[in-house]
Amino acid sequence: MLKAEIAVENYGTDYIKLLFRNKSSFVVVTPLNSSRGQRANIGIIDEFRDHDPTDIAEIILPLLNVDRPMINGDKNEEEPQQVQLWISSASEKNTFCYDKTIELFEQ
């Protein structure tokens, strides 16, 4: 059923981009210099324990600098903007992953 909703599929060596019939998109990027300059309004940072914290801070998080527009182009003030979802497996103490997980729980 989901396949029927995909209008355009674009696969590269370091990204996947799916454009849906309702004009939404799903893009998978890697923390490489080629990802710089892109824009997104939500990000899922998966297995962040495996990534360099500098790459996440300098490449991935700057992608999330745009607000999510409604279909008419306006911004919904009631809707969370620039959402970040951090997902990872267990990690050792005194690592970026552990510290970030504690920070997220405290927020």
PDB file of N, CA and C in Angstrom:
ATOM      1  N   MET A   1       0.831  -1.190   0.000  1.00  0.00           N
ATOM      2  CA  MET A   1       0.000   0.000   0.000  1.00  0.00           C
ATOM      3  C   MET A   1       0.875   1.253   0.000  1.00  0.00           C
ATOM      4  N   LEU A   2       1.957   1.242   0.784  1.00  0.00           N
ATOM      5  CA  LEU A   2       2.833   2.406   0.838  1.00  0.00           C
ATOM      6  C   LEU A   2       3.499   2.654  -0.514  1.00  0.00           C
ATOM      7  N   LYS A   3       3.876   1.594  -1.201  1.00  0.00           N
ATOM      8  CA  LYS A   3       4.526   1.711  -2.510  1.00  0.00           C
ATOM      9  C   LYS A   3       3.626   2.485  -3.488  1.00  0.00           C
ATOM     10  N   ALA A   4       2.335   2.325  -3.384  1.00  0.00           N
ATOM     11  CA  ALA A   4       1.409   3.025  -4.278  1.00  0.00           C
ATOM     12  C   ALA A   4       1.378   4.525  -4.006  1.00  0.00           C
ATOM     13  N   GLU A   5       1.790   4.955  -2.821  1.00  0.00           N
ATOM     14  CA  GLU A   5       1.790   6.373  -2.464  1.00  0.00           C
ATOM     15  C   GLU A   5       3.076   7.089  -2.857  1.00  0.00           C
ATOM     16  N   ILE A   6       4.097   6.355  -3.252  1.00  0.00           N
ATOM     17  CA  ILE A   6       5.382   6.953  -3.631  1.00  0.00           C
ATOM     18  C   ILE A   6       5.331   7.391  -5.088  1.00  0.00           C
ATOM     19  N   ALA A   7       5.583   8.688  -5.314  1.00  0.00           N
ATOM     20  CA  ALA A   7       5.571   9.227  -6.668  1.00  0.00           C
ATOM     21  C   ALA A   7       6.944   9.136  -7.321  1.00  0.00           C
ATOM     22  N   VAL A   8       8.011   9.420  -6.543  1.00  0.00           N
ATOM     23  CA  VAL A   8       9.377   9.421  -7.078  1.00  0.00           C
ATOM     24  C   VAL A   8      10.305   8.760  -6.072  1.00  0.00           C
ATOM     25  N   GLU A   9      11.170   7.871  -6.551  1.00  0.00           N
ATOM     26  CA  GLU A   9      12.192   7.243  -5.718  1.00  0.00           C
ATOM     27  C   GLU A   9      13.554   7.643  -6.266  1.00  0.00           C
ATOM     28  N   ASN A  10      14.461   8.047  -5.371  1.00  0.00           N
ATOM     29  CA  ASN A  10      15.801   8.436  -5.783  1.00  0.00           C
ATOM     30  C   ASN A  10      16.786   7.837  -4.794  1.00  0.00           C
ATOM     31  N   TYR A  11      17.663   6.967  -5.287  1.00  0.00           N
ATOM     32  CA  TYR A  11      18.631   6.288  -4.433  1.00  0.00           C
ATOM     33  C   TYR A  11      20.041   6.659  -4.875  1.00  0.00           C
ATOM     34  N   GLY A  12      20.882   7.009  -3.919  1.00  0.00           N
ATOM     35  CA  GLY A  12      22.287   7.290  -4.184  1.00  0.00           C
ATOM     36  C   GLY A  12      23.156   6.466  -3.261  1.00  0.00           C
ATOM     37  N   THR A  13      24.450   6.684  -3.333  1.00  0.00           N
ATOM     38  CA  THR A  13      25.357   5.919  -2.473  1.00  0.00           C
ATOM     39  C   THR A  13      25.284   6.364  -1.021  1.00  0.00           C
ATOM     40  N   ASP A  14      24.886   7.618  -0.774  1.00  0.00           N
ATOM     41  CA  ASP A  14      24.850   8.118   0.602  1.00  0.00           C
ATOM     42  C   ASP A  14      23.511   8.746   0.972  1.00  0.00           C
ATOM     43  N   TYR A  15      22.449   8.456   0.230  1.00  0.00           N
ATOM     44  CA  TYR A  15      21.133   8.997   0.567  1.00  0.00           C
ATOM     45  C   TYR A  15      20.025   8.183  -0.103  1.00  0.00           C
ATOM     46  N   ILE A  16      18.827   8.334   0.423  1.00  0.00           N
ATOM     47  CA  ILE A  16      17.600   7.812  -0.179  1.00  0.00           C
ATOM     48  C   ILE A  16      16.583   8.926  -0.083  1.00  0.00           C
ATOM     49  N   LYS A  17      15.881   9.191  -1.167  1.00  0.00           N
ATOM     50  CA  LYS A  17      14.855  10.223  -1.158  1.00  0.00           C
ATOM     51  C   LYS A  17      13.590   9.667  -1.781  1.00  0.00           C
ATOM     52  N   LEU A  18      12.491   9.730  -1.026  1.00  0.00           N
ATOM     53  CA  LEU A  18      11.186   9.304  -1.509  1.00  0.00           C
ATOM     54  C   LEU A  18      10.257  10.507  -1.496  1.00  0.00           C
ATOM     55  N   LEU A  19       9.616  10.768  -2.623  1.00  0.00           N
ATOM     56  CA  LEU A  19       8.611  11.825  -2.710  1.00  0.00           C
ATOM     57  C   LEU A  19       7.248  11.156  -2.845  1.00  0.00           C
ATOM     58  N   PHE A  20       6.323  11.571  -1.994  1.00  0.00           N
ATOM     59  CA  PHE A  20       5.005  10.954  -1.970  1.00  0.00           C
ATOM     60  C   PHE A  20       3.998  11.781  -2.771  1.00  0.00           C
ATOM     61  N   ARG A  21       2.905  11.156  -3.119  1.00  0.00           N
ATOM     62  CA  ARG A  21       1.868  11.820  -3.926  1.00  0.00           C
ATOM     63  C   ARG A  21       1.265  13.041  -3.215  1.00  0.00           C
ATOM     64  N   ASN A  22       1.278  13.057  -1.887  1.00  0.00           N
ATOM     65  CA  ASN A  22       0.729  14.190  -1.138  1.00  0.00           C
ATOM     66  C   ASN A  22       1.741  15.323  -0.958  1.00  0.00           C
ATOM     67  N   LYS A  23       2.866  15.259  -1.705  1.00  0.00           N
ATOM     68  CA  LYS A  23       3.932  16.276  -1.723  1.00  0.00           C
ATOM     69  C   LYS A  23       4.866  16.207  -0.519  1.00  0.00           C
ATOM     70  N   SER A  24       4.707  15.230   0.368  1.00  0.00           N
ATOM     71  CA  SER A  24       5.647  15.073   1.465  1.00  0.00           C
ATOM     72  C   SER A  24       6.839  14.257   0.976  1.00  0.00           C
ATOM     73  N   SER A  25       7.912  14.265   1.768  1.00  0.00           N
ATOM     74  CA  SER A  25       9.100  13.527   1.370  1.00  0.00           C
ATOM     75  C   SER A  25       9.714  12.835   2.575  1.00  0.00           C
ATOM     76  N   PHE A  26      10.499  11.821   2.289  1.00  0.00           N
ATOM     77  CA  PHE A  26      11.259  11.086   3.292  1.00  0.00           C
ATOM     78  C   PHE A  26      12.668  10.965   2.751  1.00  0.00           C
ATOM     79  N   VAL A  27      13.635  11.519   3.489  1.00  0.00           N
ATOM     80  CA  VAL A  27      15.016  11.546   3.019  1.00  0.00           C
ATOM     81  C   VAL A  27      15.918  10.941   4.084  1.00  0.00           C
ATOM     82  N   VAL A  28      16.750  10.002   3.680  1.00  0.00           N
ATOM     83  CA  VAL A  28      17.746   9.411   4.563  1.00  0.00           C
ATOM     84  C   VAL A  28      19.095   9.968   4.140  1.00  0.00           C
ATOM     85  N   VAL A  29      19.790  10.615   5.083  1.00  0.00           N
ATOM     86  CA  VAL A  29      21.110  11.179   4.790  1.00  0.00           C
ATOM     87  C   VAL A  29      22.127  10.614   5.767  1.00  0.00           C
ATOM     88  N   THR A  30      23.375  10.717   5.391  1.00  0.00           N
ATOM     89  CA  THR A  30      24.469  10.309   6.259  1.00  0.00           C
ATOM     90  C   THR A  30      25.258  11.546   6.654  1.00  0.00           C
ATOM     91  N   PRO A  31      25.943  11.520   7.776  1.00  0.00           N
ATOM     92  CA  PRO A  31      26.696  12.703   8.209  1.00  0.00           C
ATOM     93  C   PRO A  31      27.996  12.869   7.413  1.00  0.00           C
ATOM     94  N   LEU A  32      27.839  13.197   6.133  1.00  0.00           N
ATOM     95  CA  LEU A  32      28.977  13.448   5.248  1.00  0.00           C
ATOM     96  C   LEU A  32      28.917  14.893   4.770  1.00  0.00           C
ATOM     97  N   ASN A  33      30.018  15.406   4.276  1.00  0.00           N
ATOM     98  CA  ASN A  33      30.046  16.775   3.766  1.00  0.00           C
ATOM     99  C   ASN A  33      29.040  16.976   2.637  1.00  0.00           C
ATOM    100  N   SER A  34      28.721  15.922   1.887  1.00  0.00           N
ATOM    101  CA  SER A  34      27.752  16.042   0.794  1.00  0.00           C
ATOM    102  C   SER A  34      26.333  16.311   1.303  1.00  0.00           C
ATOM    103  N   SER A  35      26.081  16.088   2.579  1.00  0.00           N
ATOM    104  CA  SER A  35      24.759  16.343   3.163  1.00  0.00           C
ATOM    105  C   SER A  35      24.582  17.798   3.594  1.00  0.00           C
ATOM    106  N   ARG A  36      25.668  18.540   3.662  1.00  0.00           N
ATOM    107  CA  ARG A  36      25.587  19.944   4.094  1.00  0.00           C
ATOM    108  C   ARG A  36      24.716  20.746   3.133  1.00  0.00           C
ATOM    109  N   GLY A  37      23.985  21.711   3.701  1.00  0.00           N
ATOM    110  CA  GLY A  37      23.181  22.609   2.883  1.00  0.00           C
ATOM    111  C   GLY A  37      21.770  22.135   2.645  1.00  0.00           C
ATOM    112  N   GLN A  38      21.455  20.896   2.968  1.00  0.00           N
ATOM    113  CA  GLN A  38      20.087  20.426   2.808  1.00  0.00           C
ATOM    114  C   GLN A  38      19.230  20.989   3.938  1.00  0.00           C
ATOM    115  N   ARG A  39      17.920  20.887   3.818  1.00  0.00           N
ATOM    116  CA  ARG A  39      17.010  21.408   4.827  1.00  0.00           C
ATOM    117  C   ARG A  39      15.968  20.358   5.182  1.00  0.00           C
ATOM    118  N   ALA A  40      15.586  20.329   6.443  1.00  0.00           N
ATOM    119  CA  ALA A  40      14.560  19.404   6.919  1.00  0.00           C
ATOM    120  C   ALA A  40      13.834  20.052   8.087  1.00  0.00           C
ATOM    121  N   ASN A  41      12.611  19.579   8.370  1.00  0.00           N
ATOM    122  CA  ASN A  41      11.872  20.126   9.497  1.00  0.00           C
ATOM    123  C   ASN A  41      11.665  19.105  10.609  1.00  0.00           C
ATOM    124  N   ILE A  42      12.163  17.890  10.416  1.00  0.00           N
ATOM    125  CA  ILE A  42      12.191  16.882  11.478  1.00  0.00           C
ATOM    126  C   ILE A  42      13.373  15.970  11.190  1.00  0.00           C
ATOM    127  N   GLY A  43      14.010  15.485  12.244  1.00  0.00           N
ATOM    128  CA  GLY A  43      15.139  14.592  12.064  1.00  0.00           C
ATOM    129  C   GLY A  43      15.105  13.447  13.037  1.00  0.00           C
ATOM    130  N   ILE A  44      15.372  12.265  12.539  1.00  0.00           N
ATOM    131  CA  ILE A  44      15.514  11.086  13.377  1.00  0.00           C
ATOM    132  C   ILE A  44      16.984  10.707  13.336  1.00  0.00           C
ATOM    133  N   ILE A  45      17.661  10.865  14.438  1.00  0.00           N
ATOM    134  CA  ILE A  45      19.076  10.542  14.523  1.00  0.00           C
ATOM    135  C   ILE A  45      19.156   9.132  15.099  1.00  0.00           C
ATOM    136  N   ASP A  46      19.407   8.164  14.228  1.00  0.00           N
ATOM    137  CA  ASP A  46      19.373   6.754  14.605  1.00  0.00           C
ATOM    138  C   ASP A  46      20.783   6.249  14.902  1.00  0.00           C
ATOM    139  N   GLU A  47      20.902   5.456  15.962  1.00  0.00           N
ATOM    140  CA  GLU A  47      22.182   4.886  16.396  1.00  0.00           C
ATOM    141  C   GLU A  47      23.270   5.954  16.501  1.00  0.00           C
ATOM    142  N   PHE A  48      22.949   7.023  17.210  1.00  0.00           N
ATOM    143  CA  PHE A  48      23.897   8.130  17.320  1.00  0.00           C
ATOM    144  C   PHE A  48      25.135   7.763  18.120  1.00  0.00           C
ATOM    145  N   ARG A  49      25.130   6.634  18.790  1.00  0.00           N
ATOM    146  CA  ARG A  49      26.345   6.189  19.492  1.00  0.00           C
ATOM    147  C   ARG A  49      27.442   5.810  18.513  1.00  0.00           C
ATOM    148  N   ASP A  50      27.061   5.500  17.267  1.00  0.00           N
ATOM    149  CA  ASP A  50      28.029   5.086  16.251  1.00  0.00           C
ATOM    150  C   ASP A  50      28.593   6.252  15.449  1.00  0.00           C
ATOM    151  N   HIS A  51      28.135   7.466  15.717  1.00  0.00           N
ATOM    152  CA  HIS A  51      28.551   8.614  14.917  1.00  0.00           C
ATOM    153  C   HIS A  51      29.410   9.578  15.734  1.00  0.00           C
ATOM    154  N   ASP A  52      30.237  10.289  15.027  1.00  0.00           N
ATOM    155  CA  ASP A  52      31.079  11.310  15.644  1.00  0.00           C
ATOM    156  C   ASP A  52      30.189  12.470  16.090  1.00  0.00           C
ATOM    157  N   PRO A  53      30.253  12.879  17.361  1.00  0.00           N
ATOM    158  CA  PRO A  53      29.408  13.977  17.840  1.00  0.00           C
ATOM    159  C   PRO A  53      29.625  15.279  17.068  1.00  0.00           C
ATOM    160  N   THR A  54      30.831  15.505  16.579  1.00  0.00           N
ATOM    161  CA  THR A  54      31.098  16.711  15.796  1.00  0.00           C
ATOM    162  C   THR A  54      30.330  16.677  14.480  1.00  0.00           C
ATOM    163  N   ASP A  55      30.283  15.510  13.825  1.00  0.00           N
ATOM    164  CA  ASP A  55      29.533  15.383  12.573  1.00  0.00           C
ATOM    165  C   ASP A  55      28.040  15.622  12.796  1.00  0.00           C
ATOM    166  N   ILE A  56      27.507  15.108  13.889  1.00  0.00           N
ATOM    167  CA  ILE A  56      26.085  15.330  14.184  1.00  0.00           C
ATOM    168  C   ILE A  56      25.835  16.814  14.419  1.00  0.00           C
ATOM    169  N   ALA A  57      26.691  17.458  15.213  1.00  0.00           N
ATOM    170  CA  ALA A  57      26.507  18.877  15.543  1.00  0.00           C
ATOM    171  C   ALA A  57      26.728  19.794  14.343  1.00  0.00           C
ATOM    172  N   GLU A  58      27.674  19.463  13.480  1.00  0.00           N
ATOM    173  CA  GLU A  58      28.030  20.361  12.382  1.00  0.00           C
ATOM    174  C   GLU A  58      27.351  20.035  11.054  1.00  0.00           C
ATOM    175  N   ILE A  59      26.885  18.800  10.876  1.00  0.00           N
ATOM    176  CA  ILE A  59      26.285  18.420   9.595  1.00  0.00           C
ATOM    177  C   ILE A  59      24.790  18.124   9.727  1.00  0.00           C
ATOM    178  N   ILE A  60      24.413  17.282  10.676  1.00  0.00           N
ATOM    179  CA  ILE A  60      23.024  16.829  10.766  1.00  0.00           C
ATOM    180  C   ILE A  60      22.103  17.871  11.407  1.00  0.00           C
ATOM    181  N   LEU A  61      22.451  18.369  12.582  1.00  0.00           N
ATOM    182  CA  LEU A  61      21.556  19.308  13.273  1.00  0.00           C
ATOM    183  C   LEU A  61      21.314  20.608  12.508  1.00  0.00           C
ATOM    184  N   PRO A  62      22.288  21.161  11.785  1.00  0.00           N
ATOM    185  CA  PRO A  62      21.991  22.361  10.993  1.00  0.00           C
ATOM    186  C   PRO A  62      20.961  22.137   9.873  1.00  0.00           C
ATOM    187  N   LEU A  63      20.734  20.874   9.494  1.00  0.00           N
ATOM    188  CA  LEU A  63      19.702  20.592   8.487  1.00  0.00           C
ATOM    189  C   LEU A  63      18.314  20.967   9.003  1.00  0.00           C
ATOM    190  N   LEU A  64      18.151  20.937  10.325  1.00  0.00           N
ATOM    191  CA  LEU A  64      16.838  21.134  10.944  1.00  0.00           C
ATOM    192  C   LEU A  64      16.586  22.602  11.271  1.00  0.00           C
ATOM    193  N   ASN A  65      16.783  23.483  10.310  1.00  0.00           N
ATOM    194  CA  ASN A  65      16.633  24.905  10.598  1.00  0.00           C
ATOM    195  C   ASN A  65      15.422  25.537   9.913  1.00  0.00           C
ATOM    196  N   VAL A  66      14.499  24.726   9.434  1.00  0.00           N
ATOM    197  CA  VAL A  66      13.301  25.267   8.811  1.00  0.00           C
ATOM    198  C   VAL A  66      12.066  24.779   9.557  1.00  0.00           C
ATOM    199  N   ASP A  67      11.036  25.608   9.569  1.00  0.00           N
ATOM    200  CA  ASP A  67       9.772  25.236  10.191  1.00  0.00           C
ATOM    201  C   ASP A  67       8.938  24.424   9.209  1.00  0.00           C
ATOM    202  N   ARG A  68       8.055  23.614   9.747  1.00  0.00           N
ATOM    203  CA  ARG A  68       7.183  22.782   8.921  1.00  0.00           C
ATOM    204  C   ARG A  68       5.962  23.611   8.501  1.00  0.00           C
ATOM    205  N   PRO A  69       5.824  23.875   7.206  1.00  0.00           N
ATOM    206  CA  PRO A  69       4.667  24.657   6.773  1.00  0.00           C
ATOM    207  C   PRO A  69       3.421  23.786   6.625  1.00  0.00           C
ATOM    208  N   MET A  70       2.276  24.403   6.841  1.00  0.00           N
ATOM    209  CA  MET A  70       1.016  23.729   6.552  1.00  0.00           C
ATOM    210  C   MET A  70       0.830  23.719   5.037  1.00  0.00           C
ATOM    211  N   ILE A  71      -0.203  23.081   4.561  1.00  0.00           N
ATOM    212  CA  ILE A  71      -0.415  22.962   3.120  1.00  0.00           C
ATOM    213  C   ILE A  71      -0.607  24.322   2.452  1.00  0.00           C
ATOM    214  N   ASN A  72      -1.094  25.323   3.203  1.00  0.00           N
ATOM    215  CA  ASN A  72      -1.272  26.664   2.637  1.00  0.00           C
ATOM    216  C   ASN A  72      -0.014  27.527   2.792  1.00  0.00           C
ATOM    217  N   GLY A  73       1.067  26.954   3.362  1.00  0.00           N
ATOM    218  CA  GLY A  73       2.324  27.676   3.509  1.00  0.00           C
ATOM    219  C   GLY A  73       2.509  28.381   4.840  1.00  0.00           C
ATOM    220  N   ASP A  74       1.446  28.485   5.630  1.00  0.00           N
ATOM    221  CA  ASP A  74       1.553  29.127   6.941  1.00  0.00           C
ATOM    222  C   ASP A  74       2.198  28.188   7.960  1.00  0.00           C
ATOM    223  N   LYS A  75       2.651  28.777   9.066  1.00  0.00           N
ATOM    224  CA  LYS A  75       3.225  27.999  10.164  1.00  0.00           C
ATOM    225  C   LYS A  75       2.173  27.831  11.250  1.00  0.00           C
ATOM    226  N   ASN A  76       1.980  26.610  11.723  1.00  0.00           N
ATOM    227  CA  ASN A  76       1.060  26.332  12.814  1.00  0.00           C
ATOM    228  C   ASN A  76       1.811  26.540  14.123  1.00  0.00           C
ATOM    229  N   GLU A  77       1.464  27.579  14.856  1.00  0.00           N
ATOM    230  CA  GLU A  77       2.143  27.908  16.112  1.00  0.00           C
ATOM    231  C   GLU A  77       1.929  26.847  17.189  1.00  0.00           C
ATOM    232  N   GLU A  78       0.892  26.013  17.046  1.00  0.00           N
ATOM    233  CA  GLU A  78       0.592  24.974  18.035  1.00  0.00           C
ATOM    234  C   GLU A  78       1.379  23.691  17.777  1.00  0.00           C
ATOM    235  N   GLU A  79       2.005  23.589  16.633  1.00  0.00           N
ATOM    236  CA  GLU A  79       2.705  22.366  16.254  1.00  0.00           C
ATOM    237  C   GLU A  79       4.196  22.471  16.583  1.00  0.00           C
ATOM    238  N   PRO A  80       4.777  21.418  17.144  1.00  0.00           N
ATOM    239  CA  PRO A  80       6.220  21.453  17.408  1.00  0.00           C
ATOM    240  C   PRO A  80       7.001  21.623  16.102  1.00  0.00           C
ATOM    241  N   GLN A  81       8.049  22.419  16.142  1.00  0.00           N
ATOM    242  CA  GLN A  81       8.861  22.687  14.957  1.00  0.00           C
ATOM    243  C   GLN A  81      10.273  22.159  15.169  1.00  0.00           C
ATOM    244  N   GLN A  82      10.933  21.820  14.086  1.00  0.00           N
ATOM    245  CA  GLN A  82      12.325  21.368  14.102  1.00  0.00           C
ATOM    246  C   GLN A  82      12.526  20.235  15.121  1.00  0.00           C
ATOM    247  N   VAL A  83      11.692  19.229  15.019  1.00  0.00           N
ATOM    248  CA  VAL A  83      11.663  18.111  15.955  1.00  0.00           C
ATOM    249  C   VAL A  83      12.884  17.211  15.748  1.00  0.00           C
ATOM    250  N   GLN A  84      13.452  16.760  16.848  1.00  0.00           N
ATOM    251  CA  GLN A  84      14.580  15.826  16.821  1.00  0.00           C
ATOM    252  C   GLN A  84      14.203  14.584  17.608  1.00  0.00           C
ATOM    253  N   LEU A  85      14.345  13.423  16.990  1.00  0.00           N
ATOM    254  CA  LEU A  85      14.139  12.147  17.658  1.00  0.00           C
ATOM    255  C   LEU A  85      15.488  11.436  17.697  1.00  0.00           C
ATOM    256  N   TRP A  86      15.959  11.150  18.886  1.00  0.00           N
ATOM    257  CA  TRP A  86      17.265  10.516  19.073  1.00  0.00           C
ATOM    258  C   TRP A  86      17.031   9.066  19.474  1.00  0.00           C
ATOM    259  N   ILE A  87      17.603   8.126  18.693  1.00  0.00           N
ATOM    260  CA  ILE A  87      17.420   6.703  18.940  1.00  0.00           C
ATOM    261  C   ILE A  87      18.793   6.045  18.957  1.00  0.00           C
ATOM    262  N   SER A  88      19.030   5.207  19.960  1.00  0.00           N
ATOM    263  CA  SER A  88      20.307   4.507  20.003  1.00  0.00           C
ATOM    264  C   SER A  88      20.221   3.307  20.927  1.00  0.00           C
ATOM    265  N   SER A  89      21.158   2.423  20.750  1.00  0.00           N
ATOM    266  CA  SER A  89      21.309   1.282  21.652  1.00  0.00           C
ATOM    267  C   SER A  89      22.082   1.732  22.884  1.00  0.00           C
ATOM    268  N   ALA A  90      22.239   0.818  23.816  1.00  0.00           N
ATOM    269  CA  ALA A  90      22.971   1.132  25.046  1.00  0.00           C
ATOM    270  C   ALA A  90      24.402   1.542  24.723  1.00  0.00           C
ATOM    271  N   SER A  91      24.946   2.361  25.604  1.00  0.00           N
ATOM    272  CA  SER A  91      26.304   2.849  25.417  1.00  0.00           C
ATOM    273  C   SER A  91      27.002   2.894  26.765  1.00  0.00           C
ATOM    274  N   GLU A  92      28.306   3.004  26.717  1.00  0.00           N
ATOM    275  CA  GLU A  92      29.082   3.079  27.946  1.00  0.00           C
ATOM    276  C   GLU A  92      28.976   4.466  28.562  1.00  0.00           C
ATOM    277  N   LYS A  93      29.195   4.549  29.865  1.00  0.00           N
ATOM    278  CA  LYS A  93      29.233   5.850  30.527  1.00  0.00           C
ATOM    279  C   LYS A  93      30.436   6.626  30.012  1.00  0.00           C
ATOM    280  N   ASN A  94      30.385   7.934  30.202  1.00  0.00           N
ATOM    281  CA  ASN A  94      31.458   8.839  29.768  1.00  0.00           C
ATOM    282  C   ASN A  94      31.634   8.854  28.253  1.00  0.00           C
ATOM    283  N   THR A  95      30.532   8.690  27.535  1.00  0.00           N
ATOM    284  CA  THR A  95      30.551   8.821  26.081  1.00  0.00           C
ATOM    285  C   THR A  95      29.533   9.887  25.686  1.00  0.00           C
ATOM    286  N   PHE A  96      29.632  10.375  24.461  1.00  0.00           N
ATOM    287  CA  PHE A  96      28.672  11.344  23.945  1.00  0.00           C
ATOM    288  C   PHE A  96      27.253  10.784  24.007  1.00  0.00           C
ATOM    289  N   CYS A  97      27.093   9.531  23.620  1.00  0.00           N
ATOM    290  CA  CYS A  97      25.762   8.916  23.597  1.00  0.00           C
ATOM    291  C   CYS A  97      25.145   8.900  24.993  1.00  0.00           C
ATOM    292  N   TYR A  98      25.900   8.505  25.984  1.00  0.00           N
ATOM    293  CA  TYR A  98      25.402   8.455  27.350  1.00  0.00           C
ATOM    294  C   TYR A  98      25.029   9.853  27.837  1.00  0.00           C
ATOM    295  N   ASP A  99      25.919  10.809  27.623  1.00  0.00           N
ATOM    296  CA  ASP A  99      25.660  12.182  28.066  1.00  0.00           C
ATOM    297  C   ASP A  99      24.447  12.780  27.368  1.00  0.00           C
ATOM    298  N   LYS A 100      24.306  12.525  26.059  1.00  0.00           N
ATOM    299  CA  LYS A 100      23.159  13.058  25.307  1.00  0.00           C
ATOM    300  C   LYS A 100      21.866  12.411  25.787  1.00  0.00           C
ATOM    301  N   THR A 101      21.889  11.126  26.073  1.00  0.00           N
ATOM    302  CA  THR A 101      20.690  10.437  26.575  1.00  0.00           C
ATOM    303  C   THR A 101      20.249  11.016  27.910  1.00  0.00           C
ATOM    304  N   ILE A 102      21.196  11.268  28.813  1.00  0.00           N
ATOM    305  CA  ILE A 102      20.876  11.891  30.100  1.00  0.00           C
ATOM    306  C   ILE A 102      20.292  13.280  29.882  1.00  0.00           C
ATOM    307  N   GLU A 103      20.902  14.043  28.979  1.00  0.00           N
ATOM    308  CA  GLU A 103      20.400  15.396  28.674  1.00  0.00           C
ATOM    309  C   GLU A 103      18.967  15.350  28.152  1.00  0.00           C
ATOM    310  N   LEU A 104      18.673  14.408  27.264  1.00  0.00           N
ATOM    311  CA  LEU A 104      17.321  14.292  26.711  1.00  0.00           C
ATOM    312  C   LEU A 104      16.315  13.894  27.775  1.00  0.00           C
ATOM    313  N   PHE A 105      16.687  12.983  28.667  1.00  0.00           N
ATOM    314  CA  PHE A 105      15.790  12.591  29.746  1.00  0.00           C
ATOM    315  C   PHE A 105      15.526  13.762  30.689  1.00  0.00           C
ATOM    316  N   GLU A 106      16.536  14.564  30.957  1.00  0.00           N
ATOM    317  CA  GLU A 106      16.358  15.703  31.856  1.00  0.00           C
ATOM    318  C   GLU A 106      15.451  16.756  31.238  1.00  0.00           C
ATOM    319  N   GLN A 107      15.499  16.898  29.917  1.00  0.00           N
ATOM    320  CA  GLN A 107      14.618  17.872  29.260  1.00  0.00           C
ATOM    321  C   GLN A 107      13.173  17.431  29.374  1.00  0.00           C
TER     322      GLN A 107
END
